[in-house]
Amino acid sequence: MRRNARAAAEARSSAPLFAALGDENRLWLVARLCDGGPASITRLTAGSRITRQAVSKHLRVMEAARLVRCTRRGRESVWQLDQQRLRDARNYLNLISKHWDDALGRLRELVEE
């Protein structure tokens, strides 16, 4: 696969992930899940001003982006982060950074000629 086609495929697969991370409440939920591990909606909303309904909505968006997954424990839904998706985000940002570094290197070479 050519570099441009591969980059386009990476962007298509990463876009929903970054869209899910593009909301301050969802970033807050990611931080809560990183710090406290798997948690129920009740535990996630404890001590916050966000309603259970709002947290549930945000978790569903994150679930659609495969950033979190839900398991049932009795009558309770427990949410946890998918660590691989966070690594995917980091890897994609590193790829973009490398592209910028390469482009700046080419520009420097051109200017110095």
Protein backbone atom coordinates (compact mmCIF):
# COMPACT_ATOMS: atom_id res chain seq x y z
CA MET A 1 0.00 0.00 0.00
CA ARG A 2 1.38 3.42 -0.92
CA ARG A 3 2.24 5.88 1.83
CA ASN A 4 -0.66 8.24 1.00
CA ALA A 5 -3.17 5.39 0.90
CA ARG A 6 -1.87 4.06 4.20
CA ALA A 7 -2.06 7.54 5.77
CA ALA A 8 -5.63 7.94 4.51
CA ALA A 9 -6.60 4.56 5.97
CA GLU A 10 -4.99 5.49 9.31
CA ALA A 11 -6.89 8.79 9.35
CA ARG A 12 -10.22 7.08 8.61
CA SER A 13 -9.74 4.56 11.40
CA SER A 14 -8.48 7.18 13.88
CA ALA A 15 -11.07 9.90 13.22
CA PRO A 16 -13.82 8.38 15.44
CA LEU A 17 -11.29 7.93 18.25
CA PHE A 18 -10.18 11.56 18.14
CA ALA A 19 -13.77 12.74 17.79
CA ALA A 20 -14.59 10.81 20.97
CA LEU A 21 -11.63 12.41 22.72
CA GLY A 22 -12.61 15.86 21.46
CA ASP A 23 -15.00 16.62 24.32
CA GLU A 24 -13.87 17.81 27.75
CA ASN A 25 -16.38 15.58 29.56
CA ARG A 26 -15.17 12.52 27.69
CA LEU A 27 -11.55 13.43 28.41
CA TRP A 28 -12.53 13.74 32.06
CA LEU A 29 -14.10 10.26 31.89
CA VAL A 30 -10.92 8.86 30.32
CA ALA A 31 -8.92 10.36 33.18
CA ARG A 32 -11.33 8.90 35.76
CA LEU A 33 -11.10 5.45 34.16
CA CYS A 34 -7.30 5.70 33.93
CA ASP A 35 -6.99 6.65 37.59
CA GLY A 36 -9.64 4.40 39.08
CA GLY A 37 -9.86 1.50 36.68
CA PRO A 38 -13.17 -0.05 35.61
CA ALA A 39 -16.17 1.74 37.11
CA SER A 40 -19.93 1.87 37.08
CA ILE A 41 -21.80 4.98 35.99
CA THR A 42 -22.67 5.57 39.65
CA ARG A 43 -19.00 5.57 40.60
CA LEU A 44 -18.06 7.71 37.61
CA THR A 45 -20.62 10.39 38.49
CA ALA A 46 -19.80 10.43 42.23
CA GLY A 47 -18.52 13.86 43.22
CA SER A 48 -19.17 15.44 39.84
CA ARG A 49 -21.82 17.74 38.43
CA ILE A 50 -22.40 15.53 35.40
CA THR A 51 -25.65 13.59 35.44
CA ARG A 52 -25.82 9.84 35.06
CA GLN A 53 -27.68 10.34 31.78
CA ALA A 54 -24.93 12.59 30.42
CA VAL A 55 -22.21 10.17 31.49
CA SER A 56 -24.11 7.32 29.88
CA LYS A 57 -24.40 9.29 26.63
CA HIS A 58 -20.67 10.09 26.62
CA LEU A 59 -19.76 6.48 27.36
CA ARG A 60 -21.86 5.33 24.39
CA VAL A 61 -19.98 7.72 22.10
CA MET A 62 -16.71 6.39 23.47
CA GLU A 63 -17.93 2.82 23.06
CA ALA A 64 -18.77 3.46 19.39
CA ALA A 65 -15.17 4.63 18.93
CA ARG A 66 -14.01 1.42 20.69
CA LEU A 67 -12.35 3.52 23.40
CA VAL A 68 -14.31 1.88 26.22
CA ARG A 69 -16.20 -1.35 26.67
CA CYS A 70 -18.96 -2.36 29.00
CA THR A 71 -19.43 -5.57 30.94
CA ARG A 72 -22.30 -6.56 33.19
CA ARG A 73 -21.75 -7.47 36.83
CA GLY A 74 -25.13 -8.47 38.11
CA ARG A 75 -27.44 -5.53 37.54
CA GLU A 76 -24.57 -3.10 37.16
CA SER A 77 -22.75 -2.06 33.99
CA VAL A 78 -19.02 -1.63 34.48
CA TRP A 79 -17.02 0.46 32.02
CA GLN A 80 -13.34 0.19 31.28
CA LEU A 81 -10.88 1.76 28.88
CA ASP A 82 -9.45 -0.13 25.96
CA GLN A 83 -5.75 0.55 26.50
CA GLN A 84 -4.96 -0.48 22.93
CA ARG A 85 -7.10 2.35 21.58
CA LEU A 86 -5.16 4.83 23.70
CA ARG A 87 -1.96 3.36 22.25
CA ASP A 88 -3.50 3.70 18.77
CA ALA A 89 -4.09 7.41 19.43
CA ARG A 90 -0.52 7.87 20.66
CA ASN A 91 0.88 6.00 17.66
CA TYR A 92 -1.14 8.09 15.22
CA LEU A 93 0.02 11.32 16.87
CA ASN A 94 3.61 10.05 16.68
CA LEU A 95 3.11 9.32 12.96
CA ILE A 96 1.82 12.84 12.35
CA SER A 97 4.75 14.25 14.32
CA LYS A 98 7.19 12.25 12.20
CA HIS A 99 5.58 13.56 9.01
CA TRP A 100 5.98 17.14 10.27
CA ASP A 101 9.60 16.50 11.27
CA ASP A 102 10.31 15.04 7.82
CA ALA A 103 8.63 17.99 6.07
CA LEU A 104 10.53 20.51 8.17
CA GLY A 105 13.77 18.64 7.45
CA ARG A 106 13.11 18.83 3.70
CA LEU A 107 12.31 22.53 4.00
CA ARG A 108 15.53 23.15 5.94
CA GLU A 109 17.54 21.33 3.26
CA LEU A 110 15.87 23.37 0.54
CA VAL A 111 16.53 26.66 2.33
CA GLU A 112 20.15 25.77 3.07
CA GLU A 113 20.90 24.93 -0.60
